[in-house]
Amino acid sequence: MKKVHTTKIAIFRKKEIRKTIYQKEWWFVVNDIVKALTNTPNVKDYIRKIRIRDEELSKGWGQIVTPLSIDSAPGMGSN
């Protein structure tokens, strides 16, 4: 079965969030969502600190946040 990738940008609170359709489901970029919800200047550090504080979240991180290649707009990073 051929996998279909459709990449789009969603707008949430005037922030861009990258998303794609993968195996008939919408997948979102976690870093974009965290940035939109928190306005943190350093998303990677924010997520790292959340994982340190919440051991259960950290244990399941690989199941919750599955790496998936997604096209990025210029300046949006590669996450």
PDB file of N, CA and C in Angstrom:
ATOM      1  N   MET A   1       0.843  -1.180   0.000  1.00  0.00           N
ATOM      2  CA  MET A   1       0.000   0.000   0.000  1.00  0.00           C
ATOM      3  C   MET A   1       0.888   1.242   0.000  1.00  0.00           C
ATOM      4  N   LYS A   2       0.581   2.160  -0.855  1.00  0.00           N
ATOM      5  CA  LYS A   2       1.356   3.389  -0.970  1.00  0.00           C
ATOM      6  C   LYS A   2       0.984   4.364   0.144  1.00  0.00           C
ATOM      7  N   LYS A   3       2.007   4.935   0.776  1.00  0.00           N
ATOM      8  CA  LYS A   3       1.776   5.930   1.830  1.00  0.00           C
ATOM      9  C   LYS A   3       1.613   7.297   1.173  1.00  0.00           C
ATOM     10  N   VAL A   4       0.609   8.021   1.578  1.00  0.00           N
ATOM     11  CA  VAL A   4       0.343   9.348   1.024  1.00  0.00           C
ATOM     12  C   VAL A   4       0.803  10.401   2.015  1.00  0.00           C
ATOM     13  N   HIS A   5       1.585  11.344   1.551  1.00  0.00           N
ATOM     14  CA  HIS A   5       2.039  12.452   2.389  1.00  0.00           C
ATOM     15  C   HIS A   5       1.466  13.745   1.821  1.00  0.00           C
ATOM     16  N   THR A   6       0.710  14.440   2.599  1.00  0.00           N
ATOM     17  CA  THR A   6       0.212  15.754   2.238  1.00  0.00           C
ATOM     18  C   THR A   6       0.601  16.682   3.377  1.00  0.00           C
ATOM     19  N   THR A   7       1.464  17.629   3.095  1.00  0.00           N
ATOM     20  CA  THR A   7       1.944  18.534   4.133  1.00  0.00           C
ATOM     21  C   THR A   7       1.231  19.871   4.007  1.00  0.00           C
ATOM     22  N   LYS A   8       0.787  20.385   5.134  1.00  0.00           N
ATOM     23  CA  LYS A   8       0.106  21.674   5.168  1.00  0.00           C
ATOM     24  C   LYS A   8       0.510  22.412   6.432  1.00  0.00           C
ATOM     25  N   ILE A   9       0.156  23.666   6.490  1.00  0.00           N
ATOM     26  CA  ILE A   9       0.392  24.482   7.679  1.00  0.00           C
ATOM     27  C   ILE A   9      -0.962  24.804   8.294  1.00  0.00           C
ATOM     28  N   ALA A  10      -1.096  24.555   9.586  1.00  0.00           N
ATOM     29  CA  ALA A  10      -2.302  24.921  10.323  1.00  0.00           C
ATOM     30  C   ALA A  10      -1.991  26.199  11.094  1.00  0.00           C
ATOM     31  N   ILE A  11      -2.988  26.982  11.374  1.00  0.00           N
ATOM     32  CA  ILE A  11      -2.815  28.196  12.158  1.00  0.00           C
ATOM     33  C   ILE A  11      -3.541  28.015  13.482  1.00  0.00           C
ATOM     34  N   PHE A  12      -2.827  28.223  14.588  1.00  0.00           N
ATOM     35  CA  PHE A  12      -3.393  28.118  15.924  1.00  0.00           C
ATOM     36  C   PHE A  12      -2.869  29.293  16.721  1.00  0.00           C
ATOM     37  N   ARG A  13      -3.764  30.102  17.203  1.00  0.00           N
ATOM     38  CA  ARG A  13      -3.375  31.306  17.949  1.00  0.00           C
ATOM     39  C   ARG A  13      -2.358  32.139  17.172  1.00  0.00           C
ATOM     40  N   LYS A  14      -2.605  32.246  15.879  1.00  0.00           N
ATOM     41  CA  LYS A  14      -1.769  33.020  14.963  1.00  0.00           C
ATOM     42  C   LYS A  14      -0.353  32.451  14.831  1.00  0.00           C
ATOM     43  N   LYS A  15      -0.174  31.191  15.196  1.00  0.00           N
ATOM     44  CA  LYS A  15       1.115  30.510  15.068  1.00  0.00           C
ATOM     45  C   LYS A  15       0.973  29.407  14.028  1.00  0.00           C
ATOM     46  N   GLU A  16       2.017  29.210  13.231  1.00  0.00           N
ATOM     47  CA  GLU A  16       2.002  28.158  12.234  1.00  0.00           C
ATOM     48  C   GLU A  16       2.391  26.824  12.866  1.00  0.00           C
ATOM     49  N   ILE A  17       1.624  25.791  12.557  1.00  0.00           N
ATOM     50  CA  ILE A  17       1.906  24.443  13.028  1.00  0.00           C
ATOM     51  C   ILE A  17       1.934  23.528  11.811  1.00  0.00           C
ATOM     52  N   ARG A  18       3.081  22.896  11.600  1.00  0.00           N
ATOM     53  CA  ARG A  18       3.201  21.988  10.468  1.00  0.00           C
ATOM     54  C   ARG A  18       2.428  20.713  10.767  1.00  0.00           C
ATOM     55  N   LYS A  19       1.776  20.192   9.720  1.00  0.00           N
ATOM     56  CA  LYS A  19       1.027  18.954   9.855  1.00  0.00           C
ATOM     57  C   LYS A  19       1.096  18.210   8.528  1.00  0.00           C
ATOM     58  N   THR A  20       0.872  16.910   8.599  1.00  0.00           N
ATOM     59  CA  THR A  20       0.879  16.095   7.392  1.00  0.00           C
ATOM     60  C   THR A  20      -0.089  14.939   7.570  1.00  0.00           C
ATOM     61  N   ILE A  21      -0.566  14.406   6.474  1.00  0.00           N
ATOM     62  CA  ILE A  21      -1.385  13.201   6.535  1.00  0.00           C
ATOM     63  C   ILE A  21      -0.437  12.031   6.308  1.00  0.00           C
ATOM     64  N   TYR A  22      -0.448  11.095   7.246  1.00  0.00           N
ATOM     65  CA  TYR A  22       0.382   9.906   7.167  1.00  0.00           C
ATOM     66  C   TYR A  22      -0.497   8.712   7.501  1.00  0.00           C
ATOM     67  N   GLN A  23      -0.582   7.766   6.595  1.00  0.00           N
ATOM     68  CA  GLN A  23      -1.431   6.587   6.755  1.00  0.00           C
ATOM     69  C   GLN A  23      -2.851   6.977   7.164  1.00  0.00           C
ATOM     70  N   LYS A  24      -3.397   7.953   6.456  1.00  0.00           N
ATOM     71  CA  LYS A  24      -4.774   8.438   6.630  1.00  0.00           C
ATOM     72  C   LYS A  24      -5.043   9.101   7.977  1.00  0.00           C
ATOM     73  N   GLU A  25      -3.989   9.567   8.653  1.00  0.00           N
ATOM     74  CA  GLU A  25      -4.140  10.282   9.930  1.00  0.00           C
ATOM     75  C   GLU A  25      -3.360  11.582   9.868  1.00  0.00           C
ATOM     76  N   TRP A  26      -3.863  12.609  10.554  1.00  0.00           N
ATOM     77  CA  TRP A  26      -3.123  13.854  10.667  1.00  0.00           C
ATOM     78  C   TRP A  26      -2.035  13.702  11.718  1.00  0.00           C
ATOM     79  N   TRP A  27      -0.835  14.109  11.389  1.00  0.00           N
ATOM     80  CA  TRP A  27       0.300  14.127  12.309  1.00  0.00           C
ATOM     81  C   TRP A  27       0.760  15.573  12.414  1.00  0.00           C
ATOM     82  N   PHE A  28       1.096  16.028  13.625  1.00  0.00           N
ATOM     83  CA  PHE A  28       1.496  17.409  13.873  1.00  0.00           C
ATOM     84  C   PHE A  28       2.915  17.448  14.418  1.00  0.00           C
ATOM     85  N   VAL A  29       3.596  18.574  14.211  1.00  0.00           N
ATOM     86  CA  VAL A  29       4.958  18.757  14.725  1.00  0.00           C
ATOM     87  C   VAL A  29       4.856  19.217  16.174  1.00  0.00           C
ATOM     88  N   VAL A  30       5.332  18.378  17.094  1.00  0.00           N
ATOM     89  CA  VAL A  30       5.226  18.648  18.528  1.00  0.00           C
ATOM     90  C   VAL A  30       5.883  19.979  18.889  1.00  0.00           C
ATOM     91  N   ASN A  31       7.050  20.254  18.334  1.00  0.00           N
ATOM     92  CA  ASN A  31       7.743  21.512  18.654  1.00  0.00           C
ATOM     93  C   ASN A  31       6.881  22.722  18.301  1.00  0.00           C
ATOM     94  N   ASP A  32       6.186  22.668  17.170  1.00  0.00           N
ATOM     95  CA  ASP A  32       5.317  23.780  16.765  1.00  0.00           C
ATOM     96  C   ASP A  32       4.165  23.960  17.748  1.00  0.00           C
ATOM     97  N   ILE A  33       3.587  22.854  18.207  1.00  0.00           N
ATOM     98  CA  ILE A  33       2.465  22.920  19.151  1.00  0.00           C
ATOM     99  C   ILE A  33       2.916  23.487  20.493  1.00  0.00           C
ATOM    100  N   VAL A  34       4.059  22.999  21.001  1.00  0.00           N
ATOM    101  CA  VAL A  34       4.584  23.501  22.275  1.00  0.00           C
ATOM    102  C   VAL A  34       4.865  24.994  22.177  1.00  0.00           C
ATOM    103  N   LYS A  35       5.447  25.415  21.071  1.00  0.00           N
ATOM    104  CA  LYS A  35       5.742  26.843  20.895  1.00  0.00           C
ATOM    105  C   LYS A  35       4.454  27.674  20.863  1.00  0.00           C
ATOM    106  N   ALA A  36       3.431  27.177  20.177  1.00  0.00           N
ATOM    107  CA  ALA A  36       2.159  27.904  20.089  1.00  0.00           C
ATOM    108  C   ALA A  36       1.469  28.014  21.444  1.00  0.00           C
ATOM    109  N   LEU A  37       1.570  26.964  22.249  1.00  0.00           N
ATOM    110  CA  LEU A  37       0.885  26.953  23.541  1.00  0.00           C
ATOM    111  C   LEU A  37       1.641  27.678  24.648  1.00  0.00           C
ATOM    112  N   THR A  38       2.961  27.733  24.553  1.00  0.00           N
ATOM    113  CA  THR A  38       3.758  28.270  25.655  1.00  0.00           C
ATOM    114  C   THR A  38       4.467  29.582  25.357  1.00  0.00           C
ATOM    115  N   ASN A  39       4.652  29.902  24.092  1.00  0.00           N
ATOM    116  CA  ASN A  39       5.437  31.073  23.688  1.00  0.00           C
ATOM    117  C   ASN A  39       6.874  31.020  24.206  1.00  0.00           C
ATOM    118  N   THR A  40       7.382  29.832  24.455  1.00  0.00           N
ATOM    119  CA  THR A  40       8.750  29.694  24.929  1.00  0.00           C
ATOM    120  C   THR A  40       9.738  30.055  23.817  1.00  0.00           C
ATOM    121  N   PRO A  41      10.813  30.724  24.137  1.00  0.00           N
ATOM    122  CA  PRO A  41      11.811  31.042  23.112  1.00  0.00           C
ATOM    123  C   PRO A  41      12.697  29.844  22.765  1.00  0.00           C
ATOM    124  N   ASN A  42      12.723  28.816  23.641  1.00  0.00           N
ATOM    125  CA  ASN A  42      13.572  27.652  23.419  1.00  0.00           C
ATOM    126  C   ASN A  42      12.740  26.381  23.583  1.00  0.00           C
ATOM    127  N   VAL A  43      12.116  25.954  22.494  1.00  0.00           N
ATOM    128  CA  VAL A  43      11.188  24.823  22.534  1.00  0.00           C
ATOM    129  C   VAL A  43      11.886  23.533  22.947  1.00  0.00           C
ATOM    130  N   LYS A  44      13.048  23.266  22.385  1.00  0.00           N
ATOM    131  CA  LYS A  44      13.748  22.009  22.701  1.00  0.00           C
ATOM    132  C   LYS A  44      14.082  21.922  24.185  1.00  0.00           C
ATOM    133  N   ASP A  45      14.515  23.020  24.785  1.00  0.00           N
ATOM    134  CA  ASP A  45      14.834  23.033  26.213  1.00  0.00           C
ATOM    135  C   ASP A  45      13.562  22.857  27.043  1.00  0.00           C
ATOM    136  N   TYR A  46      12.470  23.486  26.626  1.00  0.00           N
ATOM    137  CA  TYR A  46      11.189  23.359  27.324  1.00  0.00           C
ATOM    138  C   TYR A  46      10.744  21.897  27.353  1.00  0.00           C
ATOM    139  N   ILE A  47      10.805  21.234  26.190  1.00  0.00           N
ATOM    140  CA  ILE A  47      10.406  19.824  26.114  1.00  0.00           C
ATOM    141  C   ILE A  47      11.348  18.961  26.944  1.00  0.00           C
ATOM    142  N   ARG A  48      12.638  19.236  26.907  1.00  0.00           N
ATOM    143  CA  ARG A  48      13.607  18.478  27.701  1.00  0.00           C
ATOM    144  C   ARG A  48      13.271  18.576  29.189  1.00  0.00           C
ATOM    145  N   LYS A  49      12.936  19.774  29.654  1.00  0.00           N
ATOM    146  CA  LYS A  49      12.595  19.968  31.068  1.00  0.00           C
ATOM    147  C   LYS A  49      11.286  19.265  31.437  1.00  0.00           C
ATOM    148  N   ILE A  50      10.313  19.260  30.546  1.00  0.00           N
ATOM    149  CA  ILE A  50       9.059  18.539  30.802  1.00  0.00           C
ATOM    150  C   ILE A  50       9.349  17.053  30.969  1.00  0.00           C
ATOM    151  N   ARG A  51      10.184  16.520  30.105  1.00  0.00           N
ATOM    152  CA  ARG A  51      10.513  15.094  30.175  1.00  0.00           C
ATOM    153  C   ARG A  51      11.284  14.754  31.449  1.00  0.00           C
ATOM    154  N   ILE A  52      12.108  15.667  31.929  1.00  0.00           N
ATOM    155  CA  ILE A  52      12.835  15.439  33.182  1.00  0.00           C
ATOM    156  C   ILE A  52      11.863  15.413  34.356  1.00  0.00           C
ATOM    157  N   ARG A  53      10.895  16.319  34.355  1.00  0.00           N
ATOM    158  CA  ARG A  53       9.928  16.417  35.457  1.00  0.00           C
ATOM    159  C   ARG A  53       8.906  15.284  35.461  1.00  0.00           C
ATOM    160  N   ASP A  54       8.581  14.752  34.290  1.00  0.00           N
ATOM    161  CA  ASP A  54       7.543  13.726  34.181  1.00  0.00           C
ATOM    162  C   ASP A  54       8.159  12.431  33.658  1.00  0.00           C
ATOM    163  N   GLU A  55       8.500  11.532  34.587  1.00  0.00           N
ATOM    164  CA  GLU A  55       9.174  10.283  34.224  1.00  0.00           C
ATOM    165  C   GLU A  55       8.315   9.407  33.314  1.00  0.00           C
ATOM    166  N   GLU A  56       7.019   9.348  33.559  1.00  0.00           N
ATOM    167  CA  GLU A  56       6.135   8.515  32.738  1.00  0.00           C
ATOM    168  C   GLU A  56       6.081   9.028  31.306  1.00  0.00           C
ATOM    169  N   LEU A  57       5.997  10.327  31.151  1.00  0.00           N
ATOM    170  CA  LEU A  57       6.006  10.915  29.815  1.00  0.00           C
ATOM    171  C   LEU A  57       7.317  10.592  29.115  1.00  0.00           C
ATOM    172  N   SER A  58       8.406  10.722  29.832  1.00  0.00           N
ATOM    173  CA  SER A  58       9.717  10.453  29.254  1.00  0.00           C
ATOM    174  C   SER A  58       9.851   8.992  28.831  1.00  0.00           C
ATOM    175  N   LYS A  59       9.332   8.072  29.645  1.00  0.00           N
ATOM    176  CA  LYS A  59       9.393   6.637  29.306  1.00  0.00           C
ATOM    177  C   LYS A  59       8.675   6.343  28.002  1.00  0.00           C
ATOM    178  N   GLY A  60       7.530   6.967  27.794  1.00  0.00           N
ATOM    179  CA  GLY A  60       6.723   6.700  26.612  1.00  0.00           C
ATOM    180  C   GLY A  60       6.951   7.656  25.460  1.00  0.00           C
ATOM    181  N   TRP A  61       7.951   8.510  25.567  1.00  0.00           N
ATOM    182  CA  TRP A  61       8.168   9.558  24.565  1.00  0.00           C
ATOM    183  C   TRP A  61       8.296   8.995  23.150  1.00  0.00           C
ATOM    184  N   GLY A  62       9.017   7.898  22.993  1.00  0.00           N
ATOM    185  CA  GLY A  62       9.203   7.307  21.667  1.00  0.00           C
ATOM    186  C   GLY A  62       7.918   6.797  21.048  1.00  0.00           C
ATOM    187  N   GLN A  63       6.948   6.435  21.880  1.00  0.00           N
ATOM    188  CA  GLN A  63       5.654   5.983  21.370  1.00  0.00           C
ATOM    189  C   GLN A  63       4.734   7.167  21.090  1.00  0.00           C
ATOM    190  N   ILE A  64       4.873   8.216  21.873  1.00  0.00           N
ATOM    191  CA  ILE A  64       4.013   9.391  21.724  1.00  0.00           C
ATOM    192  C   ILE A  64       4.501  10.261  20.572  1.00  0.00           C
ATOM    193  N   VAL A  65       5.800  10.480  20.514  1.00  0.00           N
ATOM    194  CA  VAL A  65       6.393  11.368  19.519  1.00  0.00           C
ATOM    195  C   VAL A  65       7.216  10.514  18.563  1.00  0.00           C
ATOM    196  N   THR A  66       6.570  10.074  17.511  1.00  0.00           N
ATOM    197  CA  THR A  66       7.224   9.234  16.522  1.00  0.00           C
ATOM    198  C   THR A  66       7.836  10.106  15.439  1.00  0.00           C
ATOM    199  N   PRO A  67       9.130   9.945  15.172  1.00  0.00           N
ATOM    200  CA  PRO A  67       9.767  10.746  14.124  1.00  0.00           C
ATOM    201  C   PRO A  67       9.143  10.447  12.760  1.00  0.00           C
ATOM    202  N   LEU A  68       8.870  11.501  12.033  1.00  0.00           N
ATOM    203  CA  LEU A  68       8.311  11.394  10.689  1.00  0.00           C
ATOM    204  C   LEU A  68       8.843  12.564   9.888  1.00  0.00           C
ATOM    205  N   SER A  69       9.372  12.288   8.731  1.00  0.00           N
ATOM    206  CA  SER A  69       9.899  13.348   7.883  1.00  0.00           C
ATOM    207  C   SER A  69       8.765  14.229   7.393  1.00  0.00           C
ATOM    208  N   ILE A  70       8.968  15.535   7.511  1.00  0.00           N
ATOM    209  CA  ILE A  70       7.939  16.488   7.083  1.00  0.00           C
ATOM    210  C   ILE A  70       8.648  17.682   6.451  1.00  0.00           C
ATOM    211  N   ASP A  71       8.093  18.170   5.359  1.00  0.00           N
ATOM    212  CA  ASP A  71       8.667  19.345   4.718  1.00  0.00           C
ATOM    213  C   ASP A  71       8.518  20.549   5.632  1.00  0.00           C
ATOM    214  N   SER A  72       9.550  21.375   5.660  1.00  0.00           N
ATOM    215  CA  SER A  72       9.530  22.560   6.512  1.00  0.00           C
ATOM    216  C   SER A  72       9.607  23.816   5.669  1.00  0.00           C
ATOM    217  N   ALA A  73       8.844  24.793   6.071  1.00  0.00           N
ATOM    218  CA  ALA A  73       8.942  26.104   5.435  1.00  0.00           C
ATOM    219  C   ALA A  73      10.262  26.731   5.852  1.00  0.00           C
ATOM    220  N   PRO A  74      10.826  27.594   5.044  1.00  0.00           N
ATOM    221  CA  PRO A  74      12.090  28.252   5.422  1.00  0.00           C
ATOM    222  C   PRO A  74      11.971  28.909   6.795  1.00  0.00           C
ATOM    223  N   GLY A  75      12.956  28.658   7.644  1.00  0.00           N
ATOM    224  CA  GLY A  75      12.981  29.276   8.966  1.00  0.00           C
ATOM    225  C   GLY A  75      12.204  28.529  10.031  1.00  0.00           C
ATOM    226  N   MET A  76      11.532  27.422   9.675  1.00  0.00           N
ATOM    227  CA  MET A  76      10.727  26.698  10.664  1.00  0.00           C
ATOM    228  C   MET A  76      11.481  25.564  11.325  1.00  0.00           C
ATOM    229  N   GLY A  77      12.686  25.277  10.894  1.00  0.00           N
ATOM    230  CA  GLY A  77      13.445  24.192  11.506  1.00  0.00           C
ATOM    231  C   GLY A  77      13.166  22.878  10.819  1.00  0.00           C
ATOM    232  N   SER A  78      13.712  21.814  11.376  1.00  0.00           N
ATOM    233  CA  SER A  78      13.588  20.510  10.718  1.00  0.00           C
ATOM    234  C   SER A  78      12.921  19.479  11.610  1.00  0.00           C
ATOM    235  N   ASN A  79      12.086  19.884  12.554  1.00  0.00           N
ATOM    236  CA  ASN A  79      11.457  18.936  13.473  1.00  0.00           C
ATOM    237  C   ASN A  79      10.130  18.474  12.957  1.00  0.00           C
TER     238      ASN A  79
END
